C-alpha cells in the first residue's frame, strides 16, 4: 500500500434513530446515524402487512357485482 493516499479507518458507533440500538462498525466516515435498523424495521421483525392490490378488471367486476366464475 502506498503511504498517504488512503483515508483514515475508524471504528464508529452506528445509532438507530428509531429504536436507539447501537452497533460498532469500521468505516472511513466520522459518524453514522440511520433511520431504521434490522431490530425495528417491520420487514425484519415480521410485523409488515402485505396488501393485495386488486387490478382494474377486478375492481370493475366487484363494483358492478359481476361474478367471474359464472358464464
C-alpha atoms as a PDB file:
ATOM      1  CA  UNK A   1       0.000   0.000   0.000  1.00  0.00           C
ATOM      2  CA  UNK A   2       1.181   3.490  -0.792  1.00  0.00           C
ATOM      3  CA  UNK A   3       1.557   5.820   2.153  1.00  0.00           C
ATOM      4  CA  UNK A   4      -0.569   8.978   2.460  1.00  0.00           C
ATOM      5  CA  UNK A   5      -3.221   8.254  -0.216  1.00  0.00           C
ATOM      6  CA  UNK A   6      -5.714   6.204   1.805  1.00  0.00           C
ATOM      7  CA  UNK A   7      -8.361   7.698   4.117  1.00  0.00           C
ATOM      8  CA  UNK A   8      -8.165   7.016   7.837  1.00  0.00           C
ATOM      9  CA  UNK A   9     -10.079   3.981   9.069  1.00  0.00           C
ATOM     10  CA  UNK A  10     -12.223   4.496  12.182  1.00  0.00           C
ATOM     11  CA  UNK A  11     -14.322   2.242  14.369  1.00  0.00           C
ATOM     12  CA  UNK A  12     -17.536   4.225  14.939  1.00  0.00           C
ATOM     13  CA  UNK A  13     -20.855   3.579  16.627  1.00  0.00           C
ATOM     14  CA  UNK A  14     -23.901   3.470  14.347  1.00  0.00           C
ATOM     15  CA  UNK A  15     -27.014   4.691  16.167  1.00  0.00           C
ATOM     16  CA  UNK A  16     -30.574   3.915  15.038  1.00  0.00           C
ATOM     17  CA  UNK A  17     -32.817   6.981  15.295  1.00  0.00           C
ATOM     18  CA  UNK A  18     -35.979   4.881  15.707  1.00  0.00           C
ATOM     19  CA  UNK A  19     -35.144   2.382  18.449  1.00  0.00           C
ATOM     20  CA  UNK A  20     -31.791   3.633  19.745  1.00  0.00           C
ATOM     21  CA  UNK A  21     -29.869   0.418  19.037  1.00  0.00           C
ATOM     22  CA  UNK A  22     -26.136   0.961  18.593  1.00  0.00           C
ATOM     23  CA  UNK A  23     -23.638  -1.108  16.572  1.00  0.00           C
ATOM     24  CA  UNK A  24     -19.891  -0.730  16.115  1.00  0.00           C
ATOM     25  CA  UNK A  25     -18.599  -0.778  12.541  1.00  0.00           C
ATOM     26  CA  UNK A  26     -15.372   0.055  10.792  1.00  0.00           C
ATOM     27  CA  UNK A  27     -15.559   2.875   8.261  1.00  0.00           C
ATOM     28  CA  UNK A  28     -13.829   5.931   6.878  1.00  0.00           C
ATOM     29  CA  UNK A  29     -16.713   8.183   8.000  1.00  0.00           C
ATOM     30  CA  UNK A  30     -16.563  10.057  11.309  1.00  0.00           C
ATOM     31  CA  UNK A  31     -20.095   9.071  12.440  1.00  0.00           C
ATOM     32  CA  UNK A  32     -23.144   7.279  11.046  1.00  0.00           C
ATOM     33  CA  UNK A  33     -26.828   7.697  12.000  1.00  0.00           C
ATOM     34  CA  UNK A  34     -29.527   5.580  10.402  1.00  0.00           C
ATOM     35  CA  UNK A  35     -33.321   5.958  10.400  1.00  0.00           C
ATOM     36  CA  UNK A  36     -34.256   2.308  10.928  1.00  0.00           C
ATOM     37  CA  UNK A  37     -32.267  -0.830  11.573  1.00  0.00           C
ATOM     38  CA  UNK A  38     -32.854  -4.559  11.437  1.00  0.00           C
ATOM     39  CA  UNK A  39     -34.186  -4.590  15.006  1.00  0.00           C
ATOM     40  CA  UNK A  40     -37.046  -2.152  14.403  1.00  0.00           C
ATOM     41  CA  UNK A  41     -37.831  -2.288  10.654  1.00  0.00           C
ATOM     42  CA  UNK A  42     -41.185  -4.037  10.005  1.00  0.00           C
ATOM     43  CA  UNK A  43     -39.743  -6.217   7.224  1.00  0.00           C
ATOM     44  CA  UNK A  44     -37.176  -7.795   9.531  1.00  0.00           C
ATOM     45  CA  UNK A  45     -39.390  -8.019  12.631  1.00  0.00           C
ATOM     46  CA  UNK A  46     -42.194  -9.819  10.777  1.00  0.00           C
ATOM     47  CA  UNK A  47     -44.837  -7.211  11.560  1.00  0.00           C
ATOM     48  CA  UNK A  48     -45.097  -5.970   7.980  1.00  0.00           C
ATOM     49  CA  UNK A  49     -48.549  -6.273   6.414  1.00  0.00           C
ATOM     50  CA  UNK A  50     -48.870  -7.201   2.774  1.00  0.00           C
ATOM     51  CA  UNK A  51     -51.891  -5.860   0.951  1.00  0.00           C
ATOM     52  CA  UNK A  52     -53.049  -7.334  -2.301  1.00  0.00           C
ATOM     53  CA  UNK A  53     -53.883  -4.627  -4.780  1.00  0.00           C
ATOM     54  CA  UNK A  54     -56.813  -5.501  -6.992  1.00  0.00           C
ATOM     55  CA  UNK A  55     -56.397  -4.857 -10.681  1.00  0.00           C
ATOM     56  CA  UNK A  56     -58.678  -2.637 -12.752  1.00  0.00           C
ATOM     57  CA  UNK A  57     -60.782  -5.523 -14.039  1.00  0.00           C
ATOM     58  CA  UNK A  58     -61.255  -6.948 -10.530  1.00  0.00           C
ATOM     59  CA  UNK A  59     -62.306  -3.538  -9.225  1.00  0.00           C
ATOM     60  CA  UNK A  60     -64.808  -3.158 -12.076  1.00  0.00           C
ATOM     61  CA  UNK A  61     -66.270  -6.635 -11.511  1.00  0.00           C
ATOM     62  CA  UNK A  62     -66.529  -6.053  -7.780  1.00  0.00           C
ATOM     63  CA  UNK A  63     -68.182  -2.648  -8.238  1.00  0.00           C
ATOM     64  CA  UNK A  64     -70.865  -3.924 -10.608  1.00  0.00           C
ATOM     65  CA  UNK A  65     -71.384  -7.317  -8.937  1.00  0.00           C
ATOM     66  CA  UNK A  66     -70.109  -9.391 -11.828  1.00  0.00           C
ATOM     67  CA  UNK A  67     -69.130 -12.906 -10.807  1.00  0.00           C
ATOM     68  CA  UNK A  68     -66.156 -14.020 -12.886  1.00  0.00           C
ATOM     69  CA  UNK A  69     -66.906 -17.714 -12.247  1.00  0.00           C
ATOM     70  CA  UNK A  70     -70.355 -17.544 -13.902  1.00  0.00           C
ATOM     71  CA  UNK A  71     -70.561 -17.806 -17.666  1.00  0.00           C
END
